[in-house]
Every structure is written in structure tokens, then in C-alpha cells.
Amino acid sequence: MPQQNRAKNLIKLLIFIAILASVIIAVKALGLNQYLEKDRLQSWINGFGSAGPIAYVILFSITPSLFLPGLPVTVAGGIAFGPLWGTIYASIGSTIGACLAFLIARYFARSRIENLLTGRLQAIDEGVEKNGWLFVATTRLIPLFPFNLLNYAFGLTKIRFGTYAVTSWLCMLPATIAYTVFSSSLLDVLHGRVSREMIIGAALIVIISSIPIIYKMRR
């Protein structure tokens, strides 16, 4: 299983690099570089005032409940708002989204979600009963379960909402910072520039990606 997971992660990385390279080649071939200047794009977004960040946070908030991937939304936040505000807005949106899915499972869709989480739910429920916030922190930092499924699963356990919300926010923050900082300079790549933010973001992504490997080795 670990070898299969590493192979899948490698394939995903190669696909991402191939897509990014294709976009760069297409943009340059079509002469669209001038329309993808980072400063110009962010100035255009700032022209919407508070509506831009609010719309972004709302979009991110509903993503987990619909079982949609959050990474593209995080990347978009880095590109649109930069490393600092992109991280802040992505962190707010992802935390609200995780909490919303938690509350849906706890109060509105328990019977349906329980059937979906049979087997995995038992392991999560037992872990929360024994370790509480520590189990939430571990599963957030180390992706033992799919992220969106995890939000619903915790809603079916006995953990307090406040504990879940604070722990989730703190433990999702490192990955949010890493991907937002990295993506904030993606448009620079289209112009042949590699910024400091991209290097720092890439280093943080490598560190975060190594946590599950270290965890499995220690186990």
C-alpha cells in the first residue's frame, strides 16, 4: 500500500507539472502574457472591493460539503490575493467549510452519512473517544482519510464542536500556507521568473508531504 500511494502521488505531481507546462506554452504561443501579469490581475480583483474576498470565502465554504477538491480553490486564492491575504481567506473558507460539513453530519444528515462511513467511522469514533483533539490533529496533519469525508465523520462522533473547529483550523493552516505561498507566484513562471515565494512555498510543500512518510516509517 505505501508503494502504491507513493506511485499515485508521483503520477499526480507529474500530471500537475505537465498541465502547468502546457498552460505556459499555450499562453506564450498565443501572446497572452500581458493579460496574466500578477499585479494587473490583483489590481483588477481589488477593484471589486470586499465583494471579491467574500465571494471567495463563500465558494471555499461550500466546497467540502459538496465533496469537491479544495486544493484548486486554495491555489486560486494565492494567485488572486497573494501569499498573505490568500492564506487568510483560504484559511477562513476552509475552516468554515469543514465546520459546515461537521454540522450537517451532526444535525441534518446523520442516517445517510452513517451508511456512507461504515467501517471508517468506527475507527474515527474510537480514536476520538480515546484521544479527542489529538486524533483530530493527527488526521488533519497526516491524511489517513479523505479530507471531505473526514469532516462528515467527525460530525458523527462525540467530539465537541469548539474543539473540532479550533484544532482543524490550526492543523489545516500549515498546508494552506504552503500551497498559497507557492501558488501566489505561479503567474511569474509564465514570464520566466522564479520568485522567492515560489521557492519557499515549494520547500514547505515538500516538508508537509514528507510528514505521512515519516509517520509510516515510525509506525
Protein backbone atom coordinates (compact mmCIF):
# COMPACT_ATOMS: atom_id res chain seq x y z
CA MET A 1 0.00 0.00 0.00
CA PRO A 2 2.67 2.63 0.85
CA GLN A 3 4.38 1.98 -2.50
CA GLN A 4 1.05 2.32 -4.33
CA ASN A 5 0.34 5.63 -2.55
CA ARG A 6 3.79 6.97 -3.43
CA ALA A 7 3.25 5.95 -7.05
CA LYS A 8 -0.14 7.70 -7.13
CA ASN A 9 1.35 10.86 -5.61
CA LEU A 10 4.16 10.82 -8.17
CA ILE A 11 1.67 10.43 -11.02
CA LYS A 12 -0.40 13.35 -9.68
CA LEU A 13 2.72 15.50 -9.43
CA LEU A 14 3.75 14.65 -13.00
CA ILE A 15 0.26 15.43 -14.28
CA PHE A 16 0.29 18.78 -12.47
CA ILE A 17 3.68 19.66 -13.94
CA ALA A 18 2.53 18.62 -17.42
CA ILE A 19 -0.62 20.76 -17.17
CA LEU A 20 1.36 23.74 -15.88
CA ALA A 21 3.90 23.39 -18.69
CA SER A 22 1.11 23.14 -21.27
CA VAL A 23 -0.54 26.30 -19.93
CA ILE A 24 2.78 28.18 -20.05
CA ILE A 25 3.44 27.09 -23.64
CA ALA A 26 -0.12 27.96 -24.73
CA VAL A 27 -0.05 31.39 -23.10
CA LYS A 28 3.26 32.28 -24.69
CA ALA A 29 2.22 30.91 -28.10
CA LEU A 30 -0.97 32.99 -28.06
CA GLY A 31 0.81 36.10 -26.81
CA LEU A 32 -1.37 36.39 -23.71
CA ASN A 33 1.43 37.14 -21.26
CA GLN A 34 0.37 40.74 -20.84
CA TYR A 35 -3.07 39.70 -19.59
CA LEU A 36 -1.64 37.47 -16.87
CA GLU A 37 0.56 39.97 -15.07
CA LYS A 38 0.21 39.30 -11.34
CA ASP A 39 -0.01 42.96 -10.33
CA ARG A 40 -2.58 43.72 -13.04
CA LEU A 41 -4.73 40.72 -12.09
CA GLN A 42 -4.65 41.54 -8.38
CA SER A 43 -5.43 45.21 -9.07
CA TRP A 44 -8.46 44.10 -11.11
CA ILE A 45 -9.65 41.85 -8.27
CA ASN A 46 -9.10 44.61 -5.69
CA GLY A 47 -11.40 46.77 -7.79
CA PHE A 48 -14.32 44.67 -6.57
CA GLY A 49 -13.63 45.77 -3.01
CA SER A 50 -14.87 43.45 -0.27
CA ALA A 51 -17.05 41.51 -2.73
CA GLY A 52 -14.05 39.56 -4.07
CA PRO A 53 -12.85 38.10 -0.76
CA ILE A 54 -16.41 37.45 0.41
CA ALA A 55 -17.27 35.55 -2.77
CA TYR A 56 -14.06 33.54 -2.48
CA VAL A 57 -14.70 32.61 1.16
CA ILE A 58 -18.28 31.57 0.36
CA LEU A 59 -17.06 29.42 -2.54
CA PHE A 60 -14.49 27.73 -0.33
CA SER A 61 -17.07 27.26 2.44
CA ILE A 62 -19.39 25.14 0.29
CA THR A 63 -16.63 23.12 -1.39
CA PRO A 64 -16.13 20.48 1.37
CA SER A 65 -19.87 19.89 1.78
CA LEU A 66 -20.16 19.07 -1.92
CA PHE A 67 -17.14 16.71 -1.78
CA LEU A 68 -15.23 18.95 -4.20
CA PRO A 69 -11.41 19.22 -4.01
CA GLY A 70 -10.19 22.22 -2.05
CA LEU A 71 -6.68 22.42 -3.49
CA PRO A 72 -7.67 24.24 -6.72
CA VAL A 73 -9.57 26.81 -4.63
CA THR A 74 -6.52 27.29 -2.39
CA VAL A 75 -4.30 27.78 -5.44
CA ALA A 76 -6.76 30.29 -6.87
CA GLY A 77 -6.65 32.23 -3.61
CA GLY A 78 -2.88 32.51 -3.75
CA ILE A 79 -2.97 33.74 -7.34
CA ALA A 80 -5.82 36.20 -6.77
CA PHE A 81 -4.96 37.66 -3.37
CA GLY A 82 -1.25 36.99 -2.86
CA PRO A 83 0.52 34.99 -0.13
CA LEU A 84 -0.73 36.89 2.94
CA TRP A 85 -4.38 37.63 2.19
CA GLY A 86 -4.68 34.47 0.12
CA THR A 87 -3.68 32.45 3.17
CA ILE A 88 -6.09 34.36 5.41
CA TYR A 89 -9.07 33.99 3.09
CA ALA A 90 -8.30 30.34 2.27
CA SER A 91 -7.90 29.53 5.96
CA ILE A 92 -11.22 31.17 6.82
CA GLY A 93 -13.02 29.48 3.93
CA SER A 94 -11.60 26.01 4.53
CA THR A 95 -12.35 26.18 8.27
CA ILE A 96 -15.94 27.33 7.70
CA GLY A 97 -16.34 24.58 5.11
CA ALA A 98 -15.01 21.90 7.46
CA CYS A 99 -17.31 23.14 10.23
CA LEU A 100 -20.32 23.28 7.92
CA ALA A 101 -19.87 19.66 6.84
CA PHE A 102 -19.40 18.70 10.52
CA LEU A 103 -22.70 20.37 11.49
CA ILE A 104 -24.56 18.84 8.54
CA ALA A 105 -23.48 15.37 9.63
CA ARG A 106 -24.28 16.00 13.29
CA TYR A 107 -27.71 17.58 12.96
CA PHE A 108 -29.17 17.09 9.49
CA ALA A 109 -27.88 14.01 7.66
CA ARG A 110 -26.77 11.54 10.29
CA SER A 111 -28.57 8.46 8.91
CA ARG A 112 -27.33 8.92 5.33
CA ILE A 113 -23.78 9.84 6.29
CA GLU A 114 -23.54 6.95 8.77
CA ASN A 115 -24.21 4.46 5.96
CA LEU A 116 -21.52 6.14 3.85
CA LEU A 117 -18.93 5.98 6.62
CA THR A 118 -19.45 2.42 7.77
CA GLY A 119 -16.12 0.86 8.84
CA ARG A 120 -14.04 4.02 8.69
CA LEU A 121 -16.43 5.76 11.06
CA GLN A 122 -15.84 3.13 13.72
CA ALA A 123 -12.07 3.74 13.65
CA ILE A 124 -12.55 7.51 13.84
CA ASP A 125 -15.13 7.23 16.62
CA GLU A 126 -12.87 5.01 18.72
CA GLY A 127 -9.91 7.31 18.15
CA VAL A 128 -11.87 10.41 19.19
CA GLU A 129 -13.16 8.69 22.33
CA LYS A 130 -9.62 7.84 23.38
CA ASN A 131 -7.66 10.91 22.32
CA GLY A 132 -10.13 13.66 21.34
CA TRP A 133 -8.41 16.71 19.86
CA LEU A 134 -5.17 14.77 19.41
CA PHE A 135 -6.86 12.40 16.97
CA VAL A 136 -8.31 15.34 15.05
CA ALA A 137 -4.87 16.95 14.88
CA THR A 138 -3.23 13.73 13.72
CA THR A 139 -5.73 13.05 10.95
CA ARG A 140 -5.53 16.66 9.76
CA LEU A 141 -1.73 16.69 9.59
CA ILE A 142 -1.46 13.13 8.28
CA PRO A 143 -4.05 12.30 5.58
CA LEU A 144 -5.17 8.89 6.83
CA PHE A 145 -8.67 9.54 5.50
CA PRO A 146 -10.04 11.66 2.62
CA PHE A 147 -10.37 15.27 3.81
CA ASN A 148 -14.00 15.88 2.85
CA LEU A 149 -15.13 12.53 4.21
CA LEU A 150 -13.29 13.28 7.45
CA ASN A 151 -15.33 16.44 8.04
CA TYR A 152 -18.57 14.46 7.99
CA ALA A 153 -17.09 11.61 10.00
CA PHE A 154 -16.14 13.86 12.93
CA GLY A 155 -19.69 15.21 12.98
CA LEU A 156 -20.89 11.73 13.90
CA THR A 157 -18.52 11.39 16.85
CA LYS A 158 -18.86 12.78 20.38
CA ILE A 159 -16.20 15.46 20.00
CA ARG A 160 -17.22 19.00 20.98
CA PHE A 161 -17.71 21.39 18.09
CA GLY A 162 -15.37 24.03 19.55
CA THR A 163 -12.55 21.53 19.97
CA TYR A 164 -13.03 20.25 16.44
CA ALA A 165 -13.16 23.74 14.90
CA VAL A 166 -10.07 25.15 16.63
CA THR A 167 -7.98 22.01 16.14
CA SER A 168 -8.98 21.72 12.48
CA TRP A 169 -8.12 25.36 11.82
CA LEU A 170 -4.69 25.12 13.46
CA CYS A 171 -3.76 21.82 11.80
CA MET A 172 -5.01 22.76 8.32
CA LEU A 173 -3.10 26.05 8.46
CA PRO A 174 0.41 24.70 7.56
CA ALA A 175 -0.78 23.16 4.28
CA THR A 176 -2.85 26.26 3.50
CA ILE A 177 0.20 28.48 3.97
CA ALA A 178 2.40 26.21 1.86
CA TYR A 179 0.09 25.96 -1.16
CA THR A 180 -1.00 29.60 -1.02
CA VAL A 181 2.56 30.94 -0.84
CA PHE A 182 3.60 28.62 -3.67
CA SER A 183 0.65 29.47 -5.92
CA SER A 184 0.97 33.22 -5.32
CA SER A 185 3.91 33.22 -7.72
CA LEU A 186 2.59 30.83 -10.36
CA LEU A 187 1.92 33.69 -12.79
CA ASP A 188 5.60 34.70 -12.53
CA VAL A 189 6.50 31.34 -14.06
CA LEU A 190 4.61 32.34 -17.20
CA HIS A 191 7.09 35.18 -17.59
CA GLY A 192 10.14 33.05 -16.90
CA ARG A 193 10.64 34.26 -13.32
CA VAL A 194 11.08 32.12 -10.22
CA SER A 195 10.33 34.19 -7.14
CA ARG A 196 11.35 33.75 -3.52
CA GLU A 197 7.75 32.96 -2.59
CA MET A 198 7.67 30.03 -5.02
CA ILE A 199 10.89 28.57 -3.59
CA ILE A 200 9.65 28.96 -0.02
CA GLY A 201 6.25 27.51 -0.91
CA ALA A 202 7.80 24.54 -2.71
CA ALA A 203 10.02 23.84 0.30
CA LEU A 204 7.02 23.96 2.64
CA ILE A 205 5.06 21.60 0.38
CA VAL A 206 7.95 19.12 0.41
CA ILE A 207 8.11 19.27 4.22
CA ILE A 208 4.37 18.79 4.63
CA SER A 209 4.30 15.97 2.06
CA SER A 210 7.05 14.16 3.96
CA ILE A 211 5.06 14.04 7.22
CA PRO A 212 2.96 10.98 6.20
CA ILE A 213 6.11 9.17 5.01
CA ILE A 214 7.91 9.85 8.32
CA TYR A 215 4.79 8.78 10.22
CA LYS A 216 4.58 5.47 8.35
CA MET A 217 8.31 4.82 8.86
CA ARG A 218 7.98 5.41 12.61
CA ARG A 219 4.94 3.14 12.81
